[in-house]
Amino acid sequence: MEIKTAVTALCALAQETRLGIYRLLVEAGPEGLCAGDIGARLGVAPATLSFHLAQLANAGLVDARQQSRFIFYSANFEAMNGIVGFLTENCCGGRPCPPAKAKRRKTSAA
């Protein structure tokens, strides 16, 4: 992956609403979700959702497909894997990486 492509994708994800949309689409899998479902689940107005989906599509992170009168959006998993690969390609100087330690989430005492 070229650095310009990585920067474009990371910039698109560096916004709270777009990151939420993208994470939801990754969770939904290859079938994706229709725009109305995305907006309803995240509480995003249609015009705002359209703007953010366009930004993610322009960065190559989501794909859209028309099905009847609905537009379904899905994460572009090839692009996602490309970004992860780009970020980790020189990890640990070519040596095997140590196992990641699971971080515990802080919970409030009741």
N, C-alpha and C. Protein backbone atom coordinates (compact mmCIF):
# COMPACT_ATOMS: atom_id res chain seq x y z
N MET A 1 0.85 -1.17 0.00
CA MET A 1 0.00 0.00 0.00
C MET A 1 0.89 1.23 0.00
N GLU A 2 0.52 2.19 -0.82
CA GLU A 2 1.28 3.43 -0.87
C GLU A 2 0.90 4.32 0.32
N ILE A 3 1.84 5.13 0.74
CA ILE A 3 1.62 5.96 1.92
C ILE A 3 0.45 6.92 1.72
N LYS A 4 0.28 7.46 0.51
CA LYS A 4 -0.83 8.39 0.25
C LYS A 4 -2.18 7.69 0.45
N THR A 5 -2.28 6.45 0.02
CA THR A 5 -3.52 5.67 0.19
C THR A 5 -3.78 5.43 1.67
N ALA A 6 -2.73 5.08 2.41
CA ALA A 6 -2.87 4.84 3.85
C ALA A 6 -3.29 6.11 4.58
N VAL A 7 -2.69 7.23 4.23
CA VAL A 7 -3.03 8.50 4.88
C VAL A 7 -4.49 8.86 4.61
N THR A 8 -4.93 8.68 3.37
CA THR A 8 -6.32 8.99 3.02
C THR A 8 -7.29 8.13 3.84
N ALA A 9 -7.00 6.84 3.95
CA ALA A 9 -7.87 5.94 4.71
C ALA A 9 -7.85 6.29 6.19
N LEU A 10 -6.68 6.53 6.73
CA LEU A 10 -6.59 6.84 8.16
C LEU A 10 -7.25 8.19 8.48
N CYS A 11 -7.14 9.16 7.57
CA CYS A 11 -7.82 10.45 7.77
C CYS A 11 -9.34 10.26 7.78
N ALA A 12 -9.83 9.40 6.91
CA ALA A 12 -11.27 9.15 6.87
C ALA A 12 -11.75 8.52 8.18
N LEU A 13 -10.92 7.69 8.78
CA LEU A 13 -11.30 7.02 10.02
C LEU A 13 -11.07 7.89 11.26
N ALA A 14 -10.38 9.01 11.09
CA ALA A 14 -10.03 9.86 12.22
C ALA A 14 -11.15 10.85 12.56
N GLN A 15 -12.36 10.36 12.54
CA GLN A 15 -13.54 11.16 12.88
C GLN A 15 -14.53 10.21 13.55
N GLU A 16 -15.07 10.64 14.66
CA GLU A 16 -15.87 9.76 15.52
C GLU A 16 -17.04 9.08 14.80
N THR A 17 -17.82 9.82 14.05
CA THR A 17 -18.98 9.23 13.37
C THR A 17 -18.53 8.23 12.31
N ARG A 18 -17.54 8.61 11.50
CA ARG A 18 -17.07 7.71 10.45
C ARG A 18 -16.45 6.45 11.04
N LEU A 19 -15.72 6.58 12.11
CA LEU A 19 -15.14 5.40 12.76
C LEU A 19 -16.26 4.49 13.27
N GLY A 20 -17.29 5.06 13.84
CA GLY A 20 -18.44 4.27 14.31
C GLY A 20 -19.14 3.55 13.17
N ILE A 21 -19.33 4.25 12.05
CA ILE A 21 -19.96 3.64 10.87
C ILE A 21 -19.09 2.48 10.39
N TYR A 22 -17.81 2.73 10.28
CA TYR A 22 -16.92 1.69 9.75
C TYR A 22 -16.88 0.47 10.66
N ARG A 23 -16.80 0.68 11.95
CA ARG A 23 -16.78 -0.45 12.88
C ARG A 23 -18.09 -1.24 12.79
N LEU A 24 -19.20 -0.56 12.64
CA LEU A 24 -20.49 -1.24 12.49
C LEU A 24 -20.51 -2.08 11.22
N LEU A 25 -19.98 -1.53 10.13
CA LEU A 25 -19.95 -2.27 8.87
C LEU A 25 -19.00 -3.46 8.93
N VAL A 26 -17.89 -3.32 9.62
CA VAL A 26 -16.98 -4.46 9.79
C VAL A 26 -17.70 -5.56 10.57
N GLU A 27 -18.41 -5.18 11.61
CA GLU A 27 -19.16 -6.15 12.42
C GLU A 27 -20.25 -6.83 11.59
N ALA A 28 -20.87 -6.08 10.67
CA ALA A 28 -21.96 -6.63 9.85
C ALA A 28 -21.47 -7.66 8.85
N GLY A 29 -20.20 -7.63 8.51
CA GLY A 29 -19.65 -8.60 7.56
C GLY A 29 -19.86 -8.19 6.12
N PRO A 30 -19.56 -9.10 5.20
CA PRO A 30 -19.61 -8.78 3.77
C PRO A 30 -20.98 -8.36 3.24
N GLU A 31 -22.05 -8.80 3.88
CA GLU A 31 -23.39 -8.43 3.42
C GLU A 31 -23.70 -6.97 3.68
N GLY A 32 -23.09 -6.40 4.70
CA GLY A 32 -23.27 -5.00 5.02
C GLY A 32 -24.65 -4.67 5.56
N LEU A 33 -24.97 -3.39 5.51
CA LEU A 33 -26.25 -2.87 6.02
C LEU A 33 -26.76 -1.80 5.09
N CYS A 34 -28.07 -1.65 5.07
CA CYS A 34 -28.63 -0.55 4.27
C CYS A 34 -28.43 0.76 5.05
N ALA A 35 -28.42 1.84 4.30
CA ALA A 35 -28.14 3.14 4.90
C ALA A 35 -29.10 3.46 6.05
N GLY A 36 -30.39 3.14 5.88
CA GLY A 36 -31.37 3.41 6.93
C GLY A 36 -31.05 2.69 8.23
N ASP A 37 -30.59 1.44 8.13
CA ASP A 37 -30.22 0.68 9.33
C ASP A 37 -28.99 1.28 10.01
N ILE A 38 -28.04 1.71 9.21
CA ILE A 38 -26.84 2.33 9.78
C ILE A 38 -27.23 3.58 10.56
N GLY A 39 -28.02 4.43 9.93
CA GLY A 39 -28.45 5.66 10.58
C GLY A 39 -29.25 5.41 11.85
N ALA A 40 -30.14 4.42 11.80
CA ALA A 40 -30.97 4.11 12.97
C ALA A 40 -30.12 3.57 14.12
N ARG A 41 -29.20 2.69 13.81
CA ARG A 41 -28.38 2.08 14.87
C ARG A 41 -27.45 3.09 15.52
N LEU A 42 -26.97 4.06 14.74
CA LEU A 42 -26.01 5.02 15.28
C LEU A 42 -26.63 6.37 15.61
N GLY A 43 -27.91 6.54 15.30
CA GLY A 43 -28.57 7.81 15.59
C GLY A 43 -28.01 8.96 14.76
N VAL A 44 -27.75 8.70 13.47
CA VAL A 44 -27.18 9.70 12.59
C VAL A 44 -28.25 10.10 11.57
N ALA A 45 -28.44 11.40 11.39
CA ALA A 45 -29.42 11.92 10.43
C ALA A 45 -29.02 11.54 9.01
N PRO A 46 -30.00 11.34 8.12
CA PRO A 46 -29.71 10.90 6.75
C PRO A 46 -28.69 11.75 6.00
N ALA A 47 -28.81 13.07 6.05
CA ALA A 47 -27.87 13.93 5.33
C ALA A 47 -26.45 13.80 5.88
N THR A 48 -26.35 13.73 7.19
CA THR A 48 -25.04 13.56 7.83
C THR A 48 -24.46 12.20 7.49
N LEU A 49 -25.30 11.17 7.51
CA LEU A 49 -24.86 9.82 7.18
C LEU A 49 -24.35 9.76 5.75
N SER A 50 -25.06 10.38 4.82
CA SER A 50 -24.63 10.41 3.42
C SER A 50 -23.25 11.03 3.27
N PHE A 51 -23.04 12.13 3.96
CA PHE A 51 -21.74 12.81 3.91
C PHE A 51 -20.63 11.88 4.39
N HIS A 52 -20.85 11.24 5.53
CA HIS A 52 -19.80 10.38 6.10
C HIS A 52 -19.58 9.12 5.26
N LEU A 53 -20.64 8.54 4.74
CA LEU A 53 -20.48 7.36 3.87
C LEU A 53 -19.71 7.73 2.61
N ALA A 54 -19.96 8.92 2.07
CA ALA A 54 -19.22 9.37 0.89
C ALA A 54 -17.73 9.51 1.19
N GLN A 55 -17.42 10.03 2.37
CA GLN A 55 -16.01 10.16 2.77
C GLN A 55 -15.34 8.80 2.87
N LEU A 56 -16.03 7.84 3.47
CA LEU A 56 -15.47 6.49 3.61
C LEU A 56 -15.34 5.82 2.24
N ALA A 57 -16.31 6.04 1.36
CA ALA A 57 -16.25 5.47 0.01
C ALA A 57 -15.11 6.09 -0.79
N ASN A 58 -14.93 7.41 -0.68
CA ASN A 58 -13.84 8.08 -1.40
C ASN A 58 -12.48 7.60 -0.93
N ALA A 59 -12.39 7.17 0.32
CA ALA A 59 -11.13 6.63 0.86
C ALA A 59 -10.96 5.16 0.51
N GLY A 60 -11.96 4.57 -0.14
CA GLY A 60 -11.87 3.16 -0.53
C GLY A 60 -12.17 2.18 0.59
N LEU A 61 -12.77 2.67 1.67
CA LEU A 61 -13.01 1.82 2.84
C LEU A 61 -14.36 1.12 2.82
N VAL A 62 -15.32 1.66 2.08
CA VAL A 62 -16.63 1.02 1.98
C VAL A 62 -17.05 0.90 0.53
N ASP A 63 -17.86 -0.10 0.27
CA ASP A 63 -18.45 -0.32 -1.05
C ASP A 63 -19.96 -0.19 -0.91
N ALA A 64 -20.59 0.30 -1.97
CA ALA A 64 -22.05 0.46 -1.98
C ALA A 64 -22.62 -0.37 -3.12
N ARG A 65 -23.80 -0.94 -2.86
CA ARG A 65 -24.49 -1.67 -3.92
C ARG A 65 -25.99 -1.39 -3.80
N GLN A 66 -26.59 -1.21 -4.95
CA GLN A 66 -28.03 -0.97 -5.02
C GLN A 66 -28.74 -2.31 -4.99
N GLN A 67 -29.74 -2.43 -4.15
CA GLN A 67 -30.57 -3.62 -4.10
C GLN A 67 -32.01 -3.15 -3.97
N SER A 68 -32.75 -3.29 -5.06
CA SER A 68 -34.11 -2.76 -5.13
C SER A 68 -34.01 -1.25 -4.97
N ARG A 69 -34.72 -0.69 -4.03
CA ARG A 69 -34.65 0.77 -3.85
C ARG A 69 -33.71 1.17 -2.70
N PHE A 70 -33.00 0.21 -2.16
CA PHE A 70 -32.10 0.47 -1.03
C PHE A 70 -30.64 0.43 -1.48
N ILE A 71 -29.81 1.19 -0.78
CA ILE A 71 -28.36 1.12 -1.00
C ILE A 71 -27.76 0.46 0.23
N PHE A 72 -27.03 -0.62 -0.02
CA PHE A 72 -26.35 -1.33 1.05
C PHE A 72 -24.88 -0.97 1.03
N TYR A 73 -24.33 -0.78 2.20
CA TYR A 73 -22.92 -0.45 2.35
C TYR A 73 -22.23 -1.58 3.09
N SER A 74 -21.02 -1.89 2.67
CA SER A 74 -20.23 -2.91 3.36
C SER A 74 -18.78 -2.46 3.44
N ALA A 75 -18.10 -2.94 4.44
CA ALA A 75 -16.68 -2.62 4.61
C ALA A 75 -15.90 -3.28 3.49
N ASN A 76 -14.90 -2.59 3.00
CA ASN A 76 -13.98 -3.15 2.01
C ASN A 76 -12.87 -3.83 2.83
N PHE A 77 -13.00 -5.14 2.99
CA PHE A 77 -12.07 -5.88 3.86
C PHE A 77 -10.66 -5.94 3.28
N GLU A 78 -10.56 -5.91 1.96
CA GLU A 78 -9.24 -5.89 1.34
C GLU A 78 -8.50 -4.60 1.72
N ALA A 79 -9.21 -3.47 1.69
CA ALA A 79 -8.61 -2.20 2.08
C ALA A 79 -8.24 -2.22 3.57
N MET A 80 -9.14 -2.77 4.40
CA MET A 80 -8.86 -2.84 5.83
C MET A 80 -7.60 -3.66 6.10
N ASN A 81 -7.51 -4.82 5.46
CA ASN A 81 -6.33 -5.66 5.65
C ASN A 81 -5.08 -4.98 5.12
N GLY A 82 -5.23 -4.20 4.04
CA GLY A 82 -4.10 -3.45 3.51
C GLY A 82 -3.58 -2.43 4.49
N ILE A 83 -4.48 -1.74 5.18
CA ILE A 83 -4.07 -0.74 6.18
C ILE A 83 -3.37 -1.42 7.35
N VAL A 84 -3.96 -2.51 7.83
CA VAL A 84 -3.34 -3.23 8.94
C VAL A 84 -1.95 -3.72 8.53
N GLY A 85 -1.84 -4.27 7.33
CA GLY A 85 -0.55 -4.73 6.83
C GLY A 85 0.45 -3.59 6.71
N PHE A 86 0.00 -2.44 6.21
CA PHE A 86 0.86 -1.28 6.08
C PHE A 86 1.39 -0.84 7.44
N LEU A 87 0.50 -0.82 8.44
CA LEU A 87 0.90 -0.37 9.78
C LEU A 87 1.83 -1.34 10.48
N THR A 88 1.78 -2.60 10.11
CA THR A 88 2.56 -3.61 10.84
C THR A 88 3.69 -4.22 10.02
N GLU A 89 3.89 -3.79 8.78
CA GLU A 89 4.86 -4.47 7.92
C GLU A 89 6.29 -4.45 8.46
N ASN A 90 6.66 -3.45 9.21
CA ASN A 90 8.01 -3.39 9.76
C ASN A 90 8.02 -3.57 11.28
N CYS A 91 6.97 -4.17 11.77
CA CYS A 91 6.83 -4.37 13.22
C CYS A 91 7.99 -5.18 13.78
N CYS A 92 8.52 -4.73 14.87
CA CYS A 92 9.57 -5.43 15.63
C CYS A 92 10.83 -5.68 14.80
N GLY A 93 11.06 -4.85 13.79
CA GLY A 93 12.28 -4.96 13.00
C GLY A 93 12.45 -6.30 12.30
N GLY A 94 11.37 -6.96 11.96
CA GLY A 94 11.45 -8.24 11.27
C GLY A 94 11.54 -9.44 12.19
N ARG A 95 11.66 -9.19 13.48
CA ARG A 95 11.68 -10.29 14.46
C ARG A 95 10.25 -10.65 14.85
N PRO A 96 10.02 -11.87 15.32
CA PRO A 96 8.66 -12.22 15.78
C PRO A 96 8.21 -11.27 16.88
N CYS A 97 6.98 -10.89 16.81
CA CYS A 97 6.42 -9.96 17.80
C CYS A 97 6.08 -10.70 19.08
N PRO A 98 6.29 -10.05 20.22
CA PRO A 98 5.87 -10.68 21.48
C PRO A 98 4.35 -10.76 21.54
N PRO A 99 3.83 -11.70 22.28
CA PRO A 99 2.36 -11.79 22.38
C PRO A 99 1.79 -10.52 23.00
N ALA A 100 0.66 -10.10 22.48
CA ALA A 100 -0.01 -8.92 23.01
C ALA A 100 -0.65 -9.26 24.34
N LYS A 101 -0.52 -8.37 25.27
CA LYS A 101 -1.16 -8.57 26.57
C LYS A 101 -2.56 -7.98 26.50
N ALA A 102 -3.51 -8.74 26.97
CA ALA A 102 -4.89 -8.26 27.00
C ALA A 102 -5.03 -7.23 28.10
N LYS A 103 -5.59 -6.09 27.73
CA LYS A 103 -5.82 -5.04 28.73
C LYS A 103 -7.18 -5.27 29.35
N ARG A 104 -7.22 -5.12 30.63
CA ARG A 104 -8.49 -5.24 31.33
C ARG A 104 -9.20 -3.91 31.29
N ARG A 105 -10.50 -3.98 31.04
CA ARG A 105 -11.30 -2.77 31.06
C ARG A 105 -11.62 -2.41 32.50
N LYS A 106 -11.53 -1.14 32.79
CA LYS A 106 -11.87 -0.70 34.14
C LYS A 106 -13.38 -0.70 34.27
N THR A 107 -13.84 -1.25 35.35
CA THR A 107 -15.28 -1.23 35.62
C THR A 107 -15.50 -0.47 36.91
N SER A 108 -16.60 0.22 36.96
CA SER A 108 -16.88 0.98 38.19
C SER A 108 -17.46 0.05 39.23
N ALA A 109 -17.04 0.26 40.45
CA ALA A 109 -17.54 -0.56 41.56
C ALA A 109 -18.95 -0.11 41.88
N ALA A 110 -19.84 -1.07 42.05
CA ALA A 110 -21.24 -0.74 42.34
C ALA A 110 -21.52 -0.74 43.79
